[in-house]
C-alpha atoms as a PDB file:
ATOM      1  CA  MET A   1     -15.906   1.446 -56.910  1.00  0.00           C
ATOM      2  CA  ASN A   2     -17.664   0.939 -53.600  1.00  0.00           C
ATOM      3  CA  VAL A   3     -21.379   0.424 -52.991  1.00  0.00           C
ATOM      4  CA  ASP A   4     -22.041   3.981 -51.833  1.00  0.00           C
ATOM      5  CA  ALA A   5     -20.490   5.483 -54.964  1.00  0.00           C
ATOM      6  CA  ALA A   6     -22.506   3.144 -57.153  1.00  0.00           C
ATOM      7  CA  THR A   7     -25.699   4.099 -55.279  1.00  0.00           C
ATOM      8  CA  LEU A   8     -24.899   7.764 -55.765  1.00  0.00           C
ATOM      9  CA  ILE A   9     -24.314   7.361 -59.528  1.00  0.00           C
ATOM     10  CA  VAL A  10     -27.528   5.375 -59.975  1.00  0.00           C
ATOM     11  CA  ALA A  11     -29.445   7.964 -57.963  1.00  0.00           C
ATOM     12  CA  LEU A  12     -28.197  10.841 -60.114  1.00  0.00           C
ATOM     13  CA  PHE A  13     -29.210   9.169 -63.345  1.00  0.00           C
ATOM     14  CA  SER A  14     -32.551   7.858 -62.108  1.00  0.00           C
ATOM     15  CA  GLY A  15     -35.658   9.738 -61.120  1.00  0.00           C
ATOM     16  CA  GLY A  16     -35.379   9.688 -57.296  1.00  0.00           C
ATOM     17  CA  GLY A  17     -31.939  11.248 -57.106  1.00  0.00           C
ATOM     18  CA  VAL A  18     -32.327  13.328 -53.941  1.00  0.00           C
ATOM     19  CA  ALA A  19     -34.015  10.495 -52.020  1.00  0.00           C
ATOM     20  CA  ALA A  20     -31.289   8.072 -53.077  1.00  0.00           C
ATOM     21  CA  ILE A  21     -28.526  10.464 -51.984  1.00  0.00           C
ATOM     22  CA  ILE A  22     -30.142  10.969 -48.570  1.00  0.00           C
ATOM     23  CA  THR A  23     -30.615   7.214 -48.186  1.00  0.00           C
ATOM     24  CA  ALA A  24     -26.983   6.548 -49.099  1.00  0.00           C
ATOM     25  CA  ILE A  25     -25.678   9.173 -46.644  1.00  0.00           C
ATOM     26  CA  THR A  26     -27.850   7.919 -43.761  1.00  0.00           C
ATOM     27  CA  SER A  27     -26.905   4.289 -44.385  1.00  0.00           C
ATOM     28  CA  TRP A  28     -23.217   5.263 -44.483  1.00  0.00           C
ATOM     29  CA  ARG A  29     -23.537   7.187 -41.202  1.00  0.00           C
ATOM     30  CA  LYS A  30     -25.452   4.299 -39.674  1.00  0.00           C
ATOM     31  CA  GLY A  31     -22.653   1.927 -40.654  1.00  0.00           C
ATOM     32  CA  VAL A  32     -20.065   4.268 -39.161  1.00  0.00           C
ATOM     33  CA  ARG A  33     -22.081   4.566 -35.959  1.00  0.00           C
ATOM     34  CA  GLU A  34     -22.462   0.785 -35.670  1.00  0.00           C
ATOM     35  CA  VAL A  35     -18.710   0.308 -36.085  1.00  0.00           C
ATOM     36  CA  ASP A  36     -18.027   3.004 -33.484  1.00  0.00           C
ATOM     37  CA  VAL A  37     -20.559   1.481 -31.084  1.00  0.00           C
ATOM     38  CA  ASN A  38     -18.969  -1.955 -31.470  1.00  0.00           C
ATOM     39  CA  LYS A  39     -15.500  -0.534 -30.836  1.00  0.00           C
ATOM     40  CA  GLU A  40     -16.733   1.380 -27.809  1.00  0.00           C
ATOM     41  CA  GLN A  41     -18.541  -1.677 -26.421  1.00  0.00           C
ATOM     42  CA  ASN A  42     -15.388  -3.757 -26.791  1.00  0.00           C
ATOM     43  CA  ALA A  43     -13.328  -1.065 -25.089  1.00  0.00           C
ATOM     44  CA  LEU A  44     -15.903  -0.725 -22.316  1.00  0.00           C
ATOM     45  CA  ALA A  45     -15.876  -4.481 -21.724  1.00  0.00           C
ATOM     46  CA  GLY A  46     -12.068  -4.367 -21.486  1.00  0.00           C
ATOM     47  CA  PHE A  47     -12.170  -1.474 -19.030  1.00  0.00           C
ATOM     48  CA  GLN A  48     -14.766  -3.274 -16.905  1.00  0.00           C
ATOM     49  CA  ALA A  49     -12.607  -6.403 -16.774  1.00  0.00           C
ATOM     50  CA  LEU A  50      -9.583  -4.291 -15.857  1.00  0.00           C
ATOM     51  CA  ALA A  51     -11.549  -2.441 -13.163  1.00  0.00           C
ATOM     52  CA  GLU A  52     -12.714  -5.744 -11.669  1.00  0.00           C
ATOM     53  CA  SER A  53      -9.192  -7.131 -11.542  1.00  0.00           C
ATOM     54  CA  LEU A  54      -7.966  -3.892  -9.958  1.00  0.00           C
ATOM     55  CA  ARG A  55     -10.763  -4.055  -7.369  1.00  0.00           C
ATOM     56  CA  ALA A  56      -9.718  -7.593  -6.473  1.00  0.00           C
ATOM     57  CA  GLU A  57      -6.079  -6.498  -6.155  1.00  0.00           C
ATOM     58  CA  ILE A  58      -7.063  -3.548  -3.950  1.00  0.00           C
ATOM     59  CA  GLU A  59      -9.043  -5.857  -1.653  1.00  0.00           C
ATOM     60  CA  ARG A  60      -6.076  -8.224  -1.424  1.00  0.00           C
ATOM     61  CA  LEU A  61      -3.772  -5.330  -0.554  1.00  0.00           C
ATOM     62  CA  LYS A  62      -6.211  -4.033   2.074  1.00  0.00           C
ATOM     63  CA  ALA A  63      -6.313  -7.458   3.724  1.00  0.00           C
ATOM     64  CA  GLY A  64      -2.517  -7.631   3.660  1.00  0.00           C
ATOM     65  CA  ARG A  65      -2.266  -4.153   5.145  1.00  0.00           C
ATOM     66  CA  ALA A  66      -4.614  -5.103   7.984  1.00  0.00           C
ATOM     67  CA  GLU A  67      -2.448  -8.147   8.755  1.00  0.00           C
ATOM     68  CA  ASP A  68       0.694  -6.009   8.666  1.00  0.00           C
ATOM     69  CA  GLN A  69      -0.902  -3.437  10.981  1.00  0.00           C
ATOM     70  CA  GLU A  70      -1.821  -6.155  13.496  1.00  0.00           C
ATOM     71  CA  ARG A  71       1.730  -7.497  13.353  1.00  0.00           C
ATOM     72  CA  MET A  72       3.207  -4.007  13.851  1.00  0.00           C
ATOM     73  CA  ASP A  73       0.908  -3.373  16.828  1.00  0.00           C
ATOM     74  CA  ARG A  74       1.974  -6.684  18.383  1.00  0.00           C
ATOM     75  CA  ILE A  75       5.671  -5.874  17.836  1.00  0.00           C
ATOM     76  CA  GLU A  76       5.250  -2.378  19.320  1.00  0.00           C
ATOM     77  CA  LYS A  77       3.654  -3.894  22.438  1.00  0.00           C
ATOM     78  CA  GLU A  78       6.545  -6.360  22.734  1.00  0.00           C
ATOM     79  CA  ILE A  79       9.072  -3.534  22.382  1.00  0.00           C
ATOM     80  CA  ASP A  80       7.297  -1.481  25.049  1.00  0.00           C
ATOM     81  CA  ARG A  81       7.198  -4.486  27.391  1.00  0.00           C
ATOM     82  CA  GLU A  82      10.896  -5.224  26.803  1.00  0.00           C
ATOM     83  CA  ARG A  83      11.802  -1.556  27.322  1.00  0.00           C
ATOM     84  CA  ASP A  84       9.888  -1.467  30.601  1.00  0.00           C
ATOM     85  CA  LEU A  85      11.492  -4.728  31.729  1.00  0.00           C
ATOM     86  CA  ARG A  86      14.959  -3.434  30.843  1.00  0.00           C
ATOM     87  CA  TRP A  87      14.367  -0.260  32.838  1.00  0.00           C
ATOM     88  CA  VAL A  88      13.212  -2.283  35.868  1.00  0.00           C
ATOM     89  CA  ALA A  89      16.334  -4.471  35.547  1.00  0.00           C
ATOM     90  CA  VAL A  90      18.620  -1.412  35.376  1.00  0.00           C
ATOM     91  CA  GLN A  91      16.961   0.097  38.445  1.00  0.00           C
ATOM     92  CA  HIS A  92      17.314  -3.191  40.330  1.00  0.00           C
ATOM     93  CA  ILE A  93      20.990  -3.502  39.379  1.00  0.00           C
ATOM     94  CA  ARG A  94      21.601   0.053  40.583  1.00  0.00           C
ATOM     95  CA  ALA A  95      19.919  -0.756  43.889  1.00  0.00           C
ATOM     96  CA  LEU A  96      21.977  -3.945  44.259  1.00  0.00           C
ATOM     97  CA  TYR A  97      25.245  -2.104  43.630  1.00  0.00           C
ATOM     98  CA  ALA A  98      24.244   0.578  46.128  1.00  0.00           C
ATOM     99  CA  TRP A  99      23.364  -2.107  48.679  1.00  0.00           C
ATOM    100  CA  ILE A 100      26.675  -3.920  48.145  1.00  0.00           C
ATOM    101  CA  THR A 101      28.735  -0.746  48.551  1.00  0.00           C
ATOM    102  CA  GLN A 102      26.756   0.276  51.652  1.00  0.00           C
ATOM    103  CA  HIS A 103      26.615  -3.075  53.460  1.00  0.00           C
ATOM    104  CA  MET A 104      29.943  -4.530  52.413  1.00  0.00           C
ATOM    105  CA  PRO A 105      32.491  -1.759  52.801  1.00  0.00           C
ATOM    106  CA  GLY A 106      35.801  -2.547  51.213  1.00  0.00           C
ATOM    107  CA  ALA A 107      34.319  -5.189  48.909  1.00  0.00           C
ATOM    108  CA  ASP A 108      34.502  -4.487  45.232  1.00  0.00           C
ATOM    109  CA  PRO A 109      31.265  -5.326  43.422  1.00  0.00           C
ATOM    110  CA  PRO A 110      31.559  -7.160  40.112  1.00  0.00           C
ATOM    111  CA  ALA A 111      32.327  -5.052  37.060  1.00  0.00           C
ATOM    112  CA  VAL A 112      29.406  -3.726  35.071  1.00  0.00           C
ATOM    113  CA  PRO A 113      29.129  -5.238  31.579  1.00  0.00           C
ATOM    114  CA  ASP A 114      30.007  -2.799  28.794  1.00  0.00           C
ATOM    115  CA  ALA A 115      26.451  -2.874  27.435  1.00  0.00           C
ATOM    116  CA  LEU A 116      25.081  -1.654  30.795  1.00  0.00           C
ATOM    117  CA  ALA A 117      27.880   0.790  31.629  1.00  0.00           C
ATOM    118  CA  PRO A 118      26.038   3.869  30.269  1.00  0.00           C
ATOM    119  CA  HIS A 119      23.043   3.041  32.472  1.00  0.00           C
ATOM    120  CA  ILE A 120      24.741   1.993  35.728  1.00  0.00           C
ATOM    121  CA  ILE A 121      27.236   4.209  37.531  1.00  0.00           C
ATOM    122  CA  ILE A 122      28.909   2.687  40.573  1.00  0.00           C
ATOM    123  CA  THR A 123      30.038   4.980  43.354  1.00  0.00           C
ATOM    124  CA  THR A 124      31.864   3.470  46.275  1.00  0.00           C
ATOM    125  CA  LYS A 125      32.497   5.044  49.668  1.00  0.00           C
ATOM    126  CA  LYS A 126      36.129   5.608  48.755  1.00  0.00           C
ATOM    127  CA  ASP A 127      34.930   7.641  45.692  1.00  0.00           C
ATOM    128  CA  GLN A 128      32.907   9.947  47.915  1.00  0.00           C
ATOM    129  CA  PRO A 129      34.698  12.793  49.788  1.00  0.00           C
END
């Protein structure tokens, strides 16, 4: 038999029965509320710790993303510079081949490497009508 049941039995057989019943019910509810509050406080503390660790992880990821973005910007600039340089080189090679065919008739210019063949087309005077 638990304490609340014993209190209830004593209250029924004694003179202050109604007051004892109300006291027993309120003390039981108070105990339940205190247990619930303790559980909720423990859960809240756990959630706060989890939220703090997640905030720290988010900040670390943001810093890493900023570094990655800087690196990508630097690589894109390098690619643009290399692309521009390659285009200037192709134009210069085209001009050199044109100059060779115009100023050295009958001479065969060196063969174009396979990697540049799609970009450089050599026409000699004998190819023209």
